[in-house]
Amino acid sequence: MKTLMIPALALLGLAACDEPADQPEKGADVAIVAANEQGKRVFEAAADGKTGAVTVTTPGFDLNLKLPKVALGADDFDIDGVKLYPGSTIGEIRVDAGAKDKKGDSAVDVGFTAPAGAKTVAGWFARRFTQKGIAFERAGDTLTGETADGDAFVIELADEVVDGAAGAKGSIHVVSG
């Protein structure tokens, strides 16, 4: 049970950061889920980026509190040293630590917005992955590859208006098994 509390403490640590005066209206949504060998959820933690509400649920224990919102940006996530496109903002993070006997026993999903179009952001990732020697394939604005640790990743990008200007909405899905 102690190992399940580590993600909760990390979540609470993120949520407890002081809120700077120039903080955007919405912080990042964060969710962490863990299941046992039978697939039953044994741990859930979540932080709502809009309200600052944090919940932690385990068998026999529920915690609900409100903390300052957390803004996460380009420097707060990377794949083998390749960070998000400069000026990107993370809107959601979901960590799913499934049972060890399931295929792909854990996954991380990150949703973000970038201040440039999907083609530009995909090209930016492709150049950085090439510089770092990270194996990947590109199909349009989607990049698929593998980290140095053997974790599979997919980055999907789509054009979207961000703060009134051309931008991209992206999702990153990383699976380790």
Protein backbone atom coordinates (compact mmCIF):
# COMPACT_ATOMS: atom_id res chain seq x y z
CA MET A 1 0.00 0.00 0.00
CA LYS A 2 2.94 2.35 0.63
CA THR A 3 3.93 2.15 -3.04
CA LEU A 4 0.43 3.30 -4.01
CA MET A 5 0.74 6.36 -1.81
CA ILE A 6 3.85 7.58 -3.66
CA PRO A 7 1.86 8.73 -6.73
CA ALA A 8 -0.67 10.40 -4.42
CA LEU A 9 2.05 12.31 -2.62
CA ALA A 10 3.51 13.38 -5.96
CA LEU A 11 0.06 14.55 -7.08
CA LEU A 12 -0.45 16.46 -3.85
CA GLY A 13 3.02 17.98 -4.15
CA LEU A 14 2.19 19.25 -7.63
CA ALA A 15 -1.17 20.59 -6.56
CA ALA A 16 0.25 22.32 -3.49
CA CYS A 17 2.61 24.59 -5.44
CA ASP A 18 2.07 28.29 -4.86
CA GLU A 19 -0.14 29.82 -7.50
CA PRO A 20 1.68 32.67 -9.27
CA ALA A 21 -0.23 35.88 -9.99
CA ASP A 22 -0.03 35.31 -13.77
CA GLN A 23 -1.35 31.73 -13.51
CA PRO A 24 -3.83 30.85 -16.27
CA GLU A 25 -7.47 30.38 -15.30
CA LYS A 26 -7.24 26.60 -15.72
CA GLY A 27 -4.44 24.40 -14.46
CA ALA A 28 -3.69 20.85 -15.57
CA ASP A 29 -6.05 17.95 -14.89
CA VAL A 30 -4.09 15.06 -13.37
CA ALA A 31 -5.30 11.48 -12.86
CA ILE A 32 -3.47 8.44 -11.50
CA VAL A 33 -5.08 4.97 -11.51
CA ALA A 34 -3.66 1.63 -10.31
CA ALA A 35 -5.22 -1.83 -10.53
CA ASN A 36 -4.40 -5.18 -8.96
CA GLU A 37 -3.74 -8.47 -10.80
CA GLN A 38 -7.50 -9.06 -11.21
CA GLY A 39 -7.95 -5.66 -12.87
CA LYS A 40 -9.76 -4.15 -9.86
CA ARG A 41 -8.88 -0.51 -9.21
CA VAL A 42 -7.04 -0.25 -5.90
CA PHE A 43 -5.93 3.36 -6.09
CA GLU A 44 -7.18 6.52 -7.76
CA ALA A 45 -6.02 10.11 -7.40
CA ALA A 46 -7.12 13.13 -9.39
CA ALA A 47 -6.62 16.89 -9.47
CA ASP A 48 -9.15 19.05 -11.31
CA GLY A 49 -7.33 21.84 -13.15
CA LYS A 50 -10.41 24.06 -13.21
CA THR A 51 -11.42 23.92 -9.53
CA GLY A 52 -8.26 22.75 -7.74
CA ALA A 53 -10.21 19.83 -6.22
CA VAL A 54 -8.01 16.84 -5.33
CA THR A 55 -9.35 13.37 -4.56
CA VAL A 56 -7.52 10.23 -3.45
CA THR A 57 -9.42 6.94 -3.19
CA THR A 58 -8.16 3.58 -1.97
CA PRO A 59 -10.05 0.71 -0.33
CA GLY A 60 -11.11 2.07 3.06
CA PHE A 61 -9.77 5.60 2.50
CA ASP A 62 -11.10 8.67 0.68
CA LEU A 63 -9.56 12.13 0.68
CA ASN A 64 -11.13 15.24 -0.84
CA LEU A 65 -9.57 18.67 -0.62
CA LYS A 66 -9.05 21.83 -2.61
CA LEU A 67 -5.59 23.12 -3.43
CA PRO A 68 -4.24 25.84 -5.77
CA LYS A 69 -4.35 25.01 -9.49
CA VAL A 70 -1.16 23.83 -11.19
CA ALA A 71 0.02 25.15 -14.56
CA LEU A 72 2.29 22.73 -16.44
CA GLY A 73 4.20 23.73 -19.54
CA ALA A 74 6.74 22.64 -22.13
CA ASP A 75 9.53 21.98 -19.61
CA ASP A 76 7.40 19.73 -17.38
CA PHE A 77 7.33 16.65 -19.65
CA ASP A 78 9.84 15.01 -21.98
CA ILE A 79 10.48 11.84 -23.95
CA ASP A 80 14.16 10.89 -23.58
CA GLY A 81 15.10 14.54 -23.16
CA VAL A 82 12.83 15.91 -25.91
CA LYS A 83 10.52 18.40 -24.23
CA LEU A 84 7.23 19.72 -25.59
CA TYR A 85 7.23 22.40 -28.28
CA PRO A 86 8.24 25.77 -26.71
CA GLY A 87 5.28 27.63 -25.21
CA SER A 88 3.13 24.48 -24.98
CA THR A 89 0.74 24.06 -22.07
CA ILE A 90 -0.26 20.73 -20.56
CA GLY A 91 -4.00 20.47 -19.99
CA GLU A 92 -4.21 16.92 -18.67
CA ILE A 93 -2.10 14.03 -17.49
CA ARG A 94 -3.37 10.51 -16.85
CA VAL A 95 -1.18 7.77 -15.38
CA ASP A 96 -2.66 4.27 -15.51
CA ALA A 97 -0.54 1.75 -13.60
CA GLY A 98 -2.32 -1.50 -14.43
CA ALA A 99 -1.63 -4.95 -13.10
CA LYS A 100 1.70 -6.55 -14.05
CA ASP A 101 0.04 -9.46 -15.88
CA LYS A 102 -1.76 -7.18 -18.37
CA LYS A 103 -0.22 -6.31 -21.71
CA GLY A 104 1.31 -2.84 -21.43
CA ASP A 105 1.09 -2.71 -17.67
CA SER A 106 1.29 1.06 -17.40
CA ALA A 107 0.49 4.04 -19.58
CA VAL A 108 0.86 7.79 -19.44
CA ASP A 109 -1.38 10.09 -21.48
CA VAL A 110 -0.62 13.80 -21.81
CA GLY A 111 -2.89 16.32 -23.53
CA PHE A 112 -1.35 19.66 -24.51
CA THR A 113 -1.76 22.72 -26.69
CA ALA A 114 1.05 24.33 -28.68
CA PRO A 115 1.31 27.87 -30.11
CA ALA A 116 2.07 26.64 -33.65
CA GLY A 117 0.29 24.53 -36.25
CA ALA A 118 0.31 20.73 -36.16
CA LYS A 119 2.71 20.41 -39.13
CA THR A 120 5.22 22.79 -37.50
CA VAL A 121 5.03 21.03 -34.11
CA ALA A 122 5.34 17.55 -35.71
CA GLY A 123 8.41 18.73 -37.65
CA TRP A 124 9.90 20.18 -34.48
CA PHE A 125 9.47 16.82 -32.65
CA ALA A 126 10.89 14.93 -35.66
CA ARG A 127 14.05 17.08 -35.74
CA ARG A 128 14.64 16.69 -31.98
CA PHE A 129 14.03 12.93 -32.05
CA THR A 130 16.51 12.61 -34.93
CA GLN A 131 19.10 14.71 -33.04
CA LYS A 132 18.68 12.51 -29.94
CA GLY A 133 18.81 9.24 -31.92
CA ILE A 134 15.26 8.26 -30.94
CA ALA A 135 13.69 5.79 -33.38
CA PHE A 136 10.34 7.02 -34.75
CA GLU A 137 8.09 7.05 -37.80
CA ARG A 138 6.06 9.99 -39.01
CA ALA A 139 2.74 9.76 -40.81
CA GLY A 140 1.46 13.29 -41.40
CA ASP A 141 1.14 14.93 -38.00
CA THR A 142 1.47 11.68 -36.01
CA LEU A 143 4.77 10.36 -34.69
CA THR A 144 5.17 6.81 -33.42
CA GLY A 145 8.32 5.50 -31.79
CA GLU A 146 10.14 3.87 -28.92
CA THR A 147 12.10 5.35 -26.03
CA ALA A 148 15.56 4.19 -25.00
CA ASP A 149 13.85 2.09 -22.29
CA GLY A 150 11.70 0.31 -24.89
CA ASP A 151 8.48 2.20 -24.07
CA ALA A 152 6.22 2.75 -27.07
CA PHE A 153 4.94 6.27 -27.72
CA VAL A 154 2.48 7.96 -30.06
CA ILE A 155 2.20 11.72 -30.51
CA GLU A 156 -0.91 12.89 -32.36
CA LEU A 157 -1.34 16.53 -33.40
CA ALA A 158 -4.22 18.45 -34.95
CA ASP A 159 -4.58 22.09 -35.93
CA GLU A 160 -6.66 24.11 -33.48
CA VAL A 161 -7.12 27.76 -32.60
CA VAL A 162 -5.26 28.37 -29.32
CA ASP A 163 -5.88 31.68 -27.53
CA GLY A 164 -7.28 33.21 -30.72
CA ALA A 165 -4.30 32.24 -32.89
CA ALA A 166 -3.34 29.24 -35.02
CA GLY A 167 -2.03 26.45 -32.85
CA ALA A 168 -2.16 22.71 -32.29
CA LYS A 169 -3.81 20.34 -29.89
CA GLY A 170 -1.67 17.32 -29.13
CA SER A 171 -1.82 14.06 -27.25
CA ILE A 172 1.02 11.83 -26.18
CA HIS A 173 0.44 8.20 -25.25
CA VAL A 174 3.37 6.27 -23.71
CA VAL A 175 3.03 2.57 -22.80
CA SER A 176 5.58 0.59 -20.85
CA GLY A 177 5.32 -3.09 -20.33
